[in-house]
């Protein structure tokens, strides 16, 4: 199982991205949280902005497709895209994720 995160400029954009990823069966769960206050350097200047984080839970076989979808639909020129492998997953949760992935027909 993998966890991937990105940030978006509005709650609406985050909800839309999360819902579309689920509707396209690219992730088994997507959670939206925020607002966050992000501090970073962009184009040589320090910046701060309000953002909303989307955390995706997904199986490895959808990682490439989810990445392509997020990068294609994202409003930022350089979106945050972080993917980490989960070291341990509860067996019931993993079974649910596999069943969800294999039983959804969109």
PDB file of N, CA and C in Angstrom:
ATOM      1  N   UNK A   1       0.847  -1.159   0.000  1.00  0.00           N
ATOM      2  CA  UNK A   1       0.000   0.000   0.000  1.00  0.00           C
ATOM      3  C   UNK A   1       0.896   1.225   0.000  1.00  0.00           C
ATOM      4  N   UNK A   2       0.392   2.281  -0.644  1.00  0.00           N
ATOM      5  CA  UNK A   2       1.116   3.545  -0.748  1.00  0.00           C
ATOM      6  C   UNK A   2       0.252   4.674  -0.214  1.00  0.00           C
ATOM      7  N   UNK A   3       0.908   5.749   0.201  1.00  0.00           N
ATOM      8  CA  UNK A   3       0.228   6.986   0.564  1.00  0.00           C
ATOM      9  C   UNK A   3       0.859   8.088  -0.278  1.00  0.00           C
ATOM     10  N   UNK A   4       0.008   8.878  -0.912  1.00  0.00           N
ATOM     11  CA  UNK A   4       0.471   9.987  -1.746  1.00  0.00           C
ATOM     12  C   UNK A   4      -0.225  11.261  -1.281  1.00  0.00           C
ATOM     13  N   UNK A   5       0.494  12.378  -1.353  1.00  0.00           N
ATOM     14  CA  UNK A   5      -0.099  13.653  -0.953  1.00  0.00           C
ATOM     15  C   UNK A   5       0.191  14.744  -1.972  1.00  0.00           C
ATOM     16  N   UNK A   6      -0.737  15.668  -2.014  1.00  0.00           N
ATOM     17  CA  UNK A   6      -0.573  16.883  -2.793  1.00  0.00           C
ATOM     18  C   UNK A   6      -1.304  17.995  -2.061  1.00  0.00           C
ATOM     19  N   UNK A   7      -1.067  19.229  -2.455  1.00  0.00           N
ATOM     20  CA  UNK A   7      -1.776  20.363  -1.876  1.00  0.00           C
ATOM     21  C   UNK A   7      -2.402  21.174  -2.999  1.00  0.00           C
ATOM     22  N   UNK A   8      -3.527  21.804  -2.666  1.00  0.00           N
ATOM     23  CA  UNK A   8      -4.263  22.603  -3.641  1.00  0.00           C
ATOM     24  C   UNK A   8      -4.652  23.940  -3.032  1.00  0.00           C
ATOM     25  N   UNK A   9      -4.979  24.930  -3.875  1.00  0.00           N
ATOM     26  CA  UNK A   9      -5.214  26.279  -3.366  1.00  0.00           C
ATOM     27  C   UNK A   9      -6.568  26.494  -2.695  1.00  0.00           C
ATOM     28  N   UNK A  10      -7.549  25.630  -2.956  1.00  0.00           N
ATOM     29  CA  UNK A  10      -8.877  25.826  -2.374  1.00  0.00           C
ATOM     30  C   UNK A  10      -9.465  24.491  -1.927  1.00  0.00           C
ATOM     31  N   UNK A  11     -10.415  24.567  -1.028  1.00  0.00           N
ATOM     32  CA  UNK A  11     -11.118  23.372  -0.573  1.00  0.00           C
ATOM     33  C   UNK A  11     -11.874  22.734  -1.736  1.00  0.00           C
ATOM     34  N   UNK A  12     -12.498  23.547  -2.564  1.00  0.00           N
ATOM     35  CA  UNK A  12     -13.245  23.037  -3.706  1.00  0.00           C
ATOM     36  C   UNK A  12     -12.327  22.257  -4.643  1.00  0.00           C
ATOM     37  N   UNK A  13     -11.170  22.811  -4.969  1.00  0.00           N
ATOM     38  CA  UNK A  13     -10.229  22.123  -5.862  1.00  0.00           C
ATOM     39  C   UNK A  13      -9.761  20.811  -5.240  1.00  0.00           C
ATOM     40  N   UNK A  14      -9.501  20.822  -3.938  1.00  0.00           N
ATOM     41  CA  UNK A  14      -9.059  19.604  -3.258  1.00  0.00           C
ATOM     42  C   UNK A  14     -10.158  18.548  -3.262  1.00  0.00           C
ATOM     43  N   UNK A  15     -11.390  18.957  -2.955  1.00  0.00           N
ATOM     44  CA  UNK A  15     -12.507  18.013  -2.960  1.00  0.00           C
ATOM     45  C   UNK A  15     -12.747  17.440  -4.349  1.00  0.00           C
ATOM     46  N   UNK A  16     -12.646  18.268  -5.366  1.00  0.00           N
ATOM     47  CA  UNK A  16     -12.858  17.794  -6.735  1.00  0.00           C
ATOM     48  C   UNK A  16     -11.787  16.791  -7.152  1.00  0.00           C
ATOM     49  N   UNK A  17     -10.538  17.080  -6.834  1.00  0.00           N
ATOM     50  CA  UNK A  17      -9.451  16.168  -7.181  1.00  0.00           C
ATOM     51  C   UNK A  17      -9.607  14.841  -6.448  1.00  0.00           C
ATOM     52  N   UNK A  18      -9.929  14.912  -5.159  1.00  0.00           N
ATOM     53  CA  UNK A  18     -10.114  13.700  -4.358  1.00  0.00           C
ATOM     54  C   UNK A  18     -11.268  12.862  -4.888  1.00  0.00           C
ATOM     55  N   UNK A  19     -12.401  13.494  -5.144  1.00  0.00           N
ATOM     56  CA  UNK A  19     -13.576  12.765  -5.615  1.00  0.00           C
ATOM     57  C   UNK A  19     -13.340  12.133  -6.982  1.00  0.00           C
ATOM     58  N   UNK A  20     -12.671  12.843  -7.860  1.00  0.00           N
ATOM     59  CA  UNK A  20     -12.413  12.307  -9.192  1.00  0.00           C
ATOM     60  C   UNK A  20     -11.460  11.105  -9.144  1.00  0.00           C
ATOM     61  N   UNK A  21     -10.468  11.166  -8.266  1.00  0.00           N
ATOM     62  CA  UNK A  21      -9.540  10.032  -8.139  1.00  0.00           C
ATOM     63  C   UNK A  21     -10.279   8.789  -7.653  1.00  0.00           C
ATOM     64  N   UNK A  22     -11.219   8.965  -6.730  1.00  0.00           N
ATOM     65  CA  UNK A  22     -12.007   7.835  -6.251  1.00  0.00           C
ATOM     66  C   UNK A  22     -12.941   7.348  -7.354  1.00  0.00           C
ATOM     67  N   UNK A  23     -13.606   8.267  -8.040  1.00  0.00           N
ATOM     68  CA  UNK A  23     -14.535   7.892  -9.108  1.00  0.00           C
ATOM     69  C   UNK A  23     -13.835   7.134 -10.230  1.00  0.00           C
ATOM     70  N   UNK A  24     -12.568   7.462 -10.477  1.00  0.00           N
ATOM     71  CA  UNK A  24     -11.800   6.788 -11.534  1.00  0.00           C
ATOM     72  C   UNK A  24     -11.079   5.545 -11.019  1.00  0.00           C
ATOM     73  N   UNK A  25     -11.323   5.189  -9.745  1.00  0.00           N
ATOM     74  CA  UNK A  25     -10.743   3.986  -9.144  1.00  0.00           C
ATOM     75  C   UNK A  25      -9.205   4.032  -9.114  1.00  0.00           C
ATOM     76  N   UNK A  26      -8.655   5.229  -8.907  1.00  0.00           N
ATOM     77  CA  UNK A  26      -7.201   5.401  -8.853  1.00  0.00           C
ATOM     78  C   UNK A  26      -6.665   5.310  -7.435  1.00  0.00           C
ATOM     79  N   UNK A  27      -7.547   5.477  -6.449  1.00  0.00           N
ATOM     80  CA  UNK A  27      -7.189   5.366  -5.042  1.00  0.00           C
ATOM     81  C   UNK A  27      -8.375   4.738  -4.324  1.00  0.00           C
ATOM     82  N   UNK A  28      -8.103   4.129  -3.176  1.00  0.00           N
ATOM     83  CA  UNK A  28      -9.200   3.530  -2.414  1.00  0.00           C
ATOM     84  C   UNK A  28      -9.756   4.495  -1.380  1.00  0.00           C
ATOM     85  N   UNK A  29      -9.019   5.559  -1.076  1.00  0.00           N
ATOM     86  CA  UNK A  29      -9.462   6.562  -0.124  1.00  0.00           C
ATOM     87  C   UNK A  29      -8.732   7.865  -0.431  1.00  0.00           C
ATOM     88  N   UNK A  30      -9.425   8.972  -0.252  1.00  0.00           N
ATOM     89  CA  UNK A  30      -8.797  10.289  -0.397  1.00  0.00           C
ATOM     90  C   UNK A  30      -9.352  11.171   0.708  1.00  0.00           C
ATOM     91  N   UNK A  31      -8.471  11.762   1.468  1.00  0.00           N
ATOM     92  CA  UNK A  31      -8.874  12.624   2.578  1.00  0.00           C
ATOM     93  C   UNK A  31      -8.402  14.044   2.316  1.00  0.00           C
ATOM     94  N   UNK A  32      -9.287  14.991   2.590  1.00  0.00           N
ATOM     95  CA  UNK A  32      -8.977  16.409   2.413  1.00  0.00           C
ATOM     96  C   UNK A  32      -8.871  17.041   3.794  1.00  0.00           C
ATOM     97  N   UNK A  33      -7.801  17.788   4.010  1.00  0.00           N
ATOM     98  CA  UNK A  33      -7.641  18.481   5.288  1.00  0.00           C
ATOM     99  C   UNK A  33      -7.067  19.868   5.070  1.00  0.00           C
ATOM    100  N   UNK A  34      -7.418  20.753   5.959  1.00  0.00           N
ATOM    101  CA  UNK A  34      -6.929  22.109   5.865  1.00  0.00           C
ATOM    102  C   UNK A  34      -7.903  23.060   6.524  1.00  0.00           C
ATOM    103  N   UNK A  35      -7.636  24.322   6.455  1.00  0.00           N
ATOM    104  CA  UNK A  35      -6.542  24.875   5.667  1.00  0.00           C
ATOM    105  C   UNK A  35      -5.187  24.723   6.355  1.00  0.00           C
ATOM    106  N   UNK A  36      -4.168  24.653   5.543  1.00  0.00           N
ATOM    107  CA  UNK A  36      -2.773  24.620   5.974  1.00  0.00           C
ATOM    108  C   UNK A  36      -2.144  25.954   5.584  1.00  0.00           C
ATOM    109  N   UNK A  37      -1.146  26.364   6.310  1.00  0.00           N
ATOM    110  CA  UNK A  37      -0.388  27.554   5.941  1.00  0.00           C
ATOM    111  C   UNK A  37       0.992  27.083   5.512  1.00  0.00           C
ATOM    112  N   UNK A  38       1.256  27.167   4.223  1.00  0.00           N
ATOM    113  CA  UNK A  38       2.514  26.676   3.651  1.00  0.00           C
ATOM    114  C   UNK A  38       3.500  27.823   3.481  1.00  0.00           C
ATOM    115  N   UNK A  39       4.725  27.578   3.917  1.00  0.00           N
ATOM    116  CA  UNK A  39       5.828  28.534   3.756  1.00  0.00           C
ATOM    117  C   UNK A  39       6.842  27.875   2.832  1.00  0.00           C
ATOM    118  N   UNK A  40       7.269  28.571   1.781  1.00  0.00           N
ATOM    119  CA  UNK A  40       8.146  27.983   0.776  1.00  0.00           C
ATOM    120  C   UNK A  40       8.816  29.086  -0.042  1.00  0.00           C
ATOM    121  N   UNK A  41       9.725  28.691  -0.898  1.00  0.00           N
ATOM    122  CA  UNK A  41      10.364  29.621  -1.828  1.00  0.00           C
ATOM    123  C   UNK A  41       9.851  29.292  -3.218  1.00  0.00           C
ATOM    124  N   UNK A  42       9.356  30.305  -3.927  1.00  0.00           N
ATOM    125  CA  UNK A  42       8.865  30.124  -5.291  1.00  0.00           C
ATOM    126  C   UNK A  42       9.405  31.253  -6.144  1.00  0.00           C
ATOM    127  N   UNK A  43      10.060  30.890  -7.233  1.00  0.00           N
ATOM    128  CA  UNK A  43      10.664  31.847  -8.163  1.00  0.00           C
ATOM    129  C   UNK A  43      11.584  32.828  -7.441  1.00  0.00           C
ATOM    130  N   UNK A  44      12.373  32.275  -6.494  1.00  0.00           N
ATOM    131  CA  UNK A  44      13.386  33.058  -5.809  1.00  0.00           C
ATOM    132  C   UNK A  44      12.899  33.904  -4.653  1.00  0.00           C
ATOM    133  N   UNK A  45      11.612  33.820  -4.325  1.00  0.00           N
ATOM    134  CA  UNK A  45      11.073  34.643  -3.236  1.00  0.00           C
ATOM    135  C   UNK A  45      10.376  33.770  -2.202  1.00  0.00           C
ATOM    136  N   UNK A  46      10.520  34.176  -0.962  1.00  0.00           N
ATOM    137  CA  UNK A  46       9.807  33.484   0.099  1.00  0.00           C
ATOM    138  C   UNK A  46       8.320  33.786  -0.029  1.00  0.00           C
ATOM    139  N   UNK A  47       7.506  32.752   0.153  1.00  0.00           N
ATOM    140  CA  UNK A  47       6.062  32.922   0.009  1.00  0.00           C
ATOM    141  C   UNK A  47       5.344  32.160   1.108  1.00  0.00           C
ATOM    142  N   UNK A  48       4.108  32.531   1.322  1.00  0.00           N
ATOM    143  CA  UNK A  48       3.231  31.819   2.246  1.00  0.00           C
ATOM    144  C   UNK A  48       1.853  31.800   1.601  1.00  0.00           C
ATOM    145  N   UNK A  49       1.181  30.669   1.703  1.00  0.00           N
ATOM    146  CA  UNK A  49      -0.162  30.586   1.142  1.00  0.00           C
ATOM    147  C   UNK A  49      -1.008  29.605   1.936  1.00  0.00           C
ATOM    148  N   UNK A  50      -2.311  29.769   1.805  1.00  0.00           N
ATOM    149  CA  UNK A  50      -3.241  28.827   2.407  1.00  0.00           C
ATOM    150  C   UNK A  50      -3.498  27.722   1.396  1.00  0.00           C
ATOM    151  N   UNK A  51      -3.392  26.475   1.842  1.00  0.00           N
ATOM    152  CA  UNK A  51      -3.593  25.340   0.955  1.00  0.00           C
ATOM    153  C   UNK A  51      -4.412  24.271   1.666  1.00  0.00           C
ATOM    154  N   UNK A  52      -4.864  23.328   0.875  1.00  0.00           N
ATOM    155  CA  UNK A  52      -5.610  22.169   1.364  1.00  0.00           C
ATOM    156  C   UNK A  52      -4.868  20.920   0.919  1.00  0.00           C
ATOM    157  N   UNK A  53      -4.655  19.987   1.838  1.00  0.00           N
ATOM    158  CA  UNK A  53      -3.920  18.759   1.539  1.00  0.00           C
ATOM    159  C   UNK A  53      -4.896  17.635   1.190  1.00  0.00           C
ATOM    160  N   UNK A  54      -4.530  16.898   0.140  1.00  0.00           N
ATOM    161  CA  UNK A  54      -5.247  15.671  -0.193  1.00  0.00           C
ATOM    162  C   UNK A  54      -4.279  14.521   0.038  1.00  0.00           C
ATOM    163  N   UNK A  55      -4.705  13.578   0.852  1.00  0.00           N
ATOM    164  CA  UNK A  55      -3.929  12.361   1.114  1.00  0.00           C
ATOM    165  C   UNK A  55      -4.664  11.201   0.474  1.00  0.00           C
ATOM    166  N   UNK A  56      -3.973  10.512  -0.418  1.00  0.00           N
ATOM    167  CA  UNK A  56      -4.540   9.364  -1.114  1.00  0.00           C
ATOM    168  C   UNK A  56      -3.969   8.082  -0.530  1.00  0.00           C
ATOM    169  N   UNK A  57      -4.810   7.070  -0.352  1.00  0.00           N
ATOM    170  CA  UNK A  57      -4.359   5.719  -0.035  1.00  0.00           C
ATOM    171  C   UNK A  57      -4.601   4.896  -1.288  1.00  0.00           C
ATOM    172  N   UNK A  58      -3.587   4.186  -1.734  1.00  0.00           N
ATOM    173  CA  UNK A  58      -3.697   3.476  -3.000  1.00  0.00           C
ATOM    174  C   UNK A  58      -2.855   2.216  -3.001  1.00  0.00           C
ATOM    175  N   UNK A  59      -3.188   1.347  -3.933  1.00  0.00           N
ATOM    176  CA  UNK A  59      -2.399   0.142  -4.153  1.00  0.00           C
ATOM    177  C   UNK A  59      -1.356   0.461  -5.220  1.00  0.00           C
ATOM    178  N   UNK A  60      -0.257  -0.238  -5.174  1.00  0.00           N
ATOM    179  CA  UNK A  60       0.881   0.069  -6.055  1.00  0.00           C
ATOM    180  C   UNK A  60       0.503   0.042  -7.531  1.00  0.00           C
ATOM    181  N   UNK A  61      -0.427  -0.819  -7.911  1.00  0.00           N
ATOM    182  CA  UNK A  61      -0.760  -0.940  -9.340  1.00  0.00           C
ATOM    183  C   UNK A  61      -1.454   0.299  -9.913  1.00  0.00           C
ATOM    184  N   UNK A  62      -1.923   1.206  -9.073  1.00  0.00           N
ATOM    185  CA  UNK A  62      -2.552   2.428  -9.600  1.00  0.00           C
ATOM    186  C   UNK A  62      -1.671   3.662  -9.443  1.00  0.00           C
ATOM    187  N   UNK A  63      -0.467   3.505  -8.930  1.00  0.00           N
ATOM    188  CA  UNK A  63       0.395   4.655  -8.638  1.00  0.00           C
ATOM    189  C   UNK A  63       0.712   5.488  -9.882  1.00  0.00           C
ATOM    190  N   UNK A  64       1.065   4.860 -10.971  1.00  0.00           N
ATOM    191  CA  UNK A  64       1.414   5.601 -12.187  1.00  0.00           C
ATOM    192  C   UNK A  64       0.209   6.339 -12.734  1.00  0.00           C
ATOM    193  N   UNK A  65      -0.933   5.675 -12.757  1.00  0.00           N
ATOM    194  CA  UNK A  65      -2.151   6.308 -13.278  1.00  0.00           C
ATOM    195  C   UNK A  65      -2.605   7.464 -12.388  1.00  0.00           C
ATOM    196  N   UNK A  66      -2.528   7.296 -11.063  1.00  0.00           N
ATOM    197  CA  UNK A  66      -2.916   8.379 -10.163  1.00  0.00           C
ATOM    198  C   UNK A  66      -1.976   9.570 -10.326  1.00  0.00           C
ATOM    199  N   UNK A  67      -0.689   9.311 -10.423  1.00  0.00           N
ATOM    200  CA  UNK A  67       0.280  10.389 -10.628  1.00  0.00           C
ATOM    201  C   UNK A  67      -0.026  11.153 -11.918  1.00  0.00           C
ATOM    202  N   UNK A  68      -0.281  10.436 -12.989  1.00  0.00           N
ATOM    203  CA  UNK A  68      -0.593  11.083 -14.271  1.00  0.00           C
ATOM    204  C   UNK A  68      -1.872  11.915 -14.163  1.00  0.00           C
ATOM    205  N   UNK A  69      -2.872  11.366 -13.494  1.00  0.00           N
ATOM    206  CA  UNK A  69      -4.122  12.102 -13.324  1.00  0.00           C
ATOM    207  C   UNK A  69      -3.895  13.383 -12.520  1.00  0.00           C
ATOM    208  N   UNK A  70      -3.245  13.265 -11.370  1.00  0.00           N
ATOM    209  CA  UNK A  70      -3.027  14.426 -10.512  1.00  0.00           C
ATOM    210  C   UNK A  70      -2.231  15.499 -11.246  1.00  0.00           C
ATOM    211  N   UNK A  71      -1.153  15.109 -11.910  1.00  0.00           N
ATOM    212  CA  UNK A  71      -0.334  16.098 -12.617  1.00  0.00           C
ATOM    213  C   UNK A  71      -1.096  16.742 -13.778  1.00  0.00           C
ATOM    214  N   UNK A  72      -1.974  15.998 -14.425  1.00  0.00           N
ATOM    215  CA  UNK A  72      -2.756  16.558 -15.526  1.00  0.00           C
ATOM    216  C   UNK A  72      -3.885  17.467 -15.071  1.00  0.00           C
ATOM    217  N   UNK A  73      -4.462  17.185 -13.906  1.00  0.00           N
ATOM    218  CA  UNK A  73      -5.620  17.944 -13.418  1.00  0.00           C
ATOM    219  C   UNK A  73      -5.248  19.057 -12.445  1.00  0.00           C
ATOM    220  N   UNK A  74      -4.021  19.069 -11.975  1.00  0.00           N
ATOM    221  CA  UNK A  74      -3.614  19.992 -10.913  1.00  0.00           C
ATOM    222  C   UNK A  74      -3.482  21.418 -11.435  1.00  0.00           C
ATOM    223  N   UNK A  75      -3.946  22.412 -10.662  1.00  0.00           N
ATOM    224  CA  UNK A  75      -3.833  23.797 -11.122  1.00  0.00           C
ATOM    225  C   UNK A  75      -2.437  24.404 -10.983  1.00  0.00           C
ATOM    226  N   UNK A  76      -1.543  23.796 -10.196  1.00  0.00           N
ATOM    227  CA  UNK A  76      -0.200  24.352 -10.012  1.00  0.00           C
ATOM    228  C   UNK A  76       0.724  23.907 -11.137  1.00  0.00           C
ATOM    229  N   UNK A  77       1.642  24.782 -11.522  1.00  0.00           N
ATOM    230  CA  UNK A  77       2.651  24.435 -12.530  1.00  0.00           C
ATOM    231  C   UNK A  77       3.578  23.343 -12.010  1.00  0.00           C
ATOM    232  N   UNK A  78       3.881  23.384 -10.714  1.00  0.00           N
ATOM    233  CA  UNK A  78       4.749  22.399 -10.079  1.00  0.00           C
ATOM    234  C   UNK A  78       4.062  21.901  -8.806  1.00  0.00           C
ATOM    235  N   UNK A  79       3.154  20.943  -8.956  1.00  0.00           N
ATOM    236  CA  UNK A  79       2.442  20.476  -7.763  1.00  0.00           C
ATOM    237  C   UNK A  79       3.322  19.619  -6.854  1.00  0.00           C
ATOM    238  N   UNK A  80       3.052  19.746  -5.561  1.00  0.00           N
ATOM    239  CA  UNK A  80       3.664  18.800  -4.621  1.00  0.00           C
ATOM    240  C   UNK A  80       3.112  17.424  -4.962  1.00  0.00           C
ATOM    241  N   UNK A  81       3.993  16.432  -5.057  1.00  0.00           N
ATOM    242  CA  UNK A  81       3.556  15.054  -5.259  1.00  0.00           C
ATOM    243  C   UNK A  81       4.538  14.167  -4.517  1.00  0.00           C
ATOM    244  N   UNK A  82       4.109  13.660  -3.383  1.00  0.00           N
ATOM    245  CA  UNK A  82       4.943  12.815  -2.541  1.00  0.00           C
ATOM    246  C   UNK A  82       4.268  11.464  -2.384  1.00  0.00           C
ATOM    247  N   UNK A  83       4.999  10.404  -2.638  1.00  0.00           N
ATOM    248  CA  UNK A  83       4.461   9.051  -2.508  1.00  0.00           C
ATOM    249  C   UNK A  83       5.399   8.262  -1.603  1.00  0.00           C
ATOM    250  N   UNK A  84       4.820   7.620  -0.591  1.00  0.00           N
ATOM    251  CA  UNK A  84       5.618   6.804   0.312  1.00  0.00           C
ATOM    252  C   UNK A  84       5.001   5.413   0.417  1.00  0.00           C
ATOM    253  N   UNK A  85       5.853   4.448   0.588  1.00  0.00           N
ATOM    254  CA  UNK A  85       5.404   3.079   0.780  1.00  0.00           C
ATOM    255  C   UNK A  85       5.107   2.880   2.264  1.00  0.00           C
ATOM    256  N   UNK A  86       3.966   2.323   2.539  1.00  0.00           N
ATOM    257  CA  UNK A  86       3.563   2.047   3.917  1.00  0.00           C
ATOM    258  C   UNK A  86       4.298   0.793   4.378  1.00  0.00           C
ATOM    259  N   UNK A  87       4.972   0.880   5.500  1.00  0.00           N
ATOM    260  CA  UNK A  87       5.732  -0.265   6.002  1.00  0.00           C
ATOM    261  C   UNK A  87       4.842  -1.342   6.589  1.00  0.00           C
ATOM    262  N   UNK A  88       3.749  -0.948   7.182  1.00  0.00           N
ATOM    263  CA  UNK A  88       2.854  -1.926   7.777  1.00  0.00           C
ATOM    264  C   UNK A  88       1.416  -1.453   7.586  1.00  0.00           C
ATOM    265  N   UNK A  89       0.560  -2.352   7.146  1.00  0.00           N
ATOM    266  CA  UNK A  89      -0.853  -2.053   6.951  1.00  0.00           C
ATOM    267  C   UNK A  89      -1.660  -3.110   7.676  1.00  0.00           C
ATOM    268  N   UNK A  90      -2.688  -2.697   8.389  1.00  0.00           N
ATOM    269  CA  UNK A  90      -3.565  -3.657   9.036  1.00  0.00           C
ATOM    270  C   UNK A  90      -4.154  -4.600   8.005  1.00  0.00           C
ATOM    271  N   UNK A  91      -4.163  -5.875   8.307  1.00  0.00           N
ATOM    272  CA  UNK A  91      -4.619  -6.869   7.327  1.00  0.00           C
ATOM    273  C   UNK A  91      -6.065  -6.629   6.891  1.00  0.00           C
ATOM    274  N   UNK A  92      -6.925  -6.263   7.810  1.00  0.00           N
ATOM    275  CA  UNK A  92      -8.321  -6.000   7.444  1.00  0.00           C
ATOM    276  C   UNK A  92      -8.416  -4.799   6.505  1.00  0.00           C
ATOM    277  N   UNK A  93      -7.639  -3.769   6.777  1.00  0.00           N
ATOM    278  CA  UNK A  93      -7.660  -2.579   5.912  1.00  0.00           C
ATOM    279  C   UNK A  93      -7.116  -2.921   4.524  1.00  0.00           C
ATOM    280  N   UNK A  94      -6.036  -3.660   4.470  1.00  0.00           N
ATOM    281  CA  UNK A  94      -5.459  -4.046   3.185  1.00  0.00           C
ATOM    282  C   UNK A  94      -6.423  -4.932   2.406  1.00  0.00           C
ATOM    283  N   UNK A  95      -7.084  -5.848   3.079  1.00  0.00           N
ATOM    284  CA  UNK A  95      -8.078  -6.695   2.414  1.00  0.00           C
ATOM    285  C   UNK A  95      -9.212  -5.850   1.857  1.00  0.00           C
ATOM    286  N   UNK A  96      -9.671  -4.876   2.646  1.00  0.00           N
ATOM    287  CA  UNK A  96     -10.721  -3.976   2.178  1.00  0.00           C
ATOM    288  C   UNK A  96     -10.244  -3.208   0.938  1.00  0.00           C
ATOM    289  N   UNK A  97      -9.022  -2.703   0.969  1.00  0.00           N
ATOM    290  CA  UNK A  97      -8.491  -1.934  -0.160  1.00  0.00           C
ATOM    291  C   UNK A  97      -8.417  -2.795  -1.415  1.00  0.00           C
ATOM    292  N   UNK A  98      -7.939  -4.003  -1.284  1.00  0.00           N
ATOM    293  CA  UNK A  98      -7.849  -4.896  -2.447  1.00  0.00           C
ATOM    294  C   UNK A  98      -9.237  -5.241  -2.984  1.00  0.00           C
ATOM    295  N   UNK A  99     -10.168  -5.510  -2.080  1.00  0.00           N
ATOM    296  CA  UNK A  99     -11.526  -5.837  -2.488  1.00  0.00           C
ATOM    297  C   UNK A  99     -12.186  -4.641  -3.170  1.00  0.00           C
ATOM    298  N   UNK A 100     -11.981  -3.458  -2.607  1.00  0.00           N
ATOM    299  CA  UNK A 100     -12.538  -2.243  -3.188  1.00  0.00           C
ATOM    300  C   UNK A 100     -11.994  -2.027  -4.586  1.00  0.00           C
ATOM    301  N   UNK A 101     -10.706  -2.171  -4.731  1.00  0.00           N
ATOM    302  CA  UNK A 101     -10.047  -1.958  -6.021  1.00  0.00           C
ATOM    303  C   UNK A 101     -10.546  -2.943  -7.061  1.00  0.00           C
ATOM    304  N   UNK A 102     -10.745  -4.200  -6.681  1.00  0.00           N
ATOM    305  CA  UNK A 102     -11.112  -5.208  -7.666  1.00  0.00           C
ATOM    306  C   UNK A 102     -12.621  -5.267  -7.931  1.00  0.00           C
ATOM    307  N   UNK A 103     -13.430  -4.715  -7.038  1.00  0.00           N
ATOM    308  CA  UNK A 103     -14.875  -4.856  -7.193  1.00  0.00           C
ATOM    309  C   UNK A 103     -15.559  -3.624  -7.798  1.00  0.00           C
ATOM    310  N   UNK A 104     -14.839  -2.529  -7.949  1.00  0.00           N
ATOM    311  CA  UNK A 104     -15.451  -1.319  -8.464  1.00  0.00           C
ATOM    312  C   UNK A 104     -15.435  -1.348  -9.987  1.00  0.00           C
ATOM    313  N   UNK A 105     -16.569  -1.078 -10.552  1.00  0.00           N
ATOM    314  CA  UNK A 105     -16.692  -1.024 -12.036  1.00  0.00           C
ATOM    315  C   UNK A 105     -17.240   0.324 -12.443  1.00  0.00           C
ATOM    316  N   UNK A 106     -16.352   1.219 -12.886  1.00  0.00           N
ATOM    317  CA  UNK A 106     -16.787   2.529 -13.331  1.00  0.00           C
ATOM    318  C   UNK A 106     -16.767   2.577 -14.838  1.00  0.00           C
TER     319      UNK A 106
END
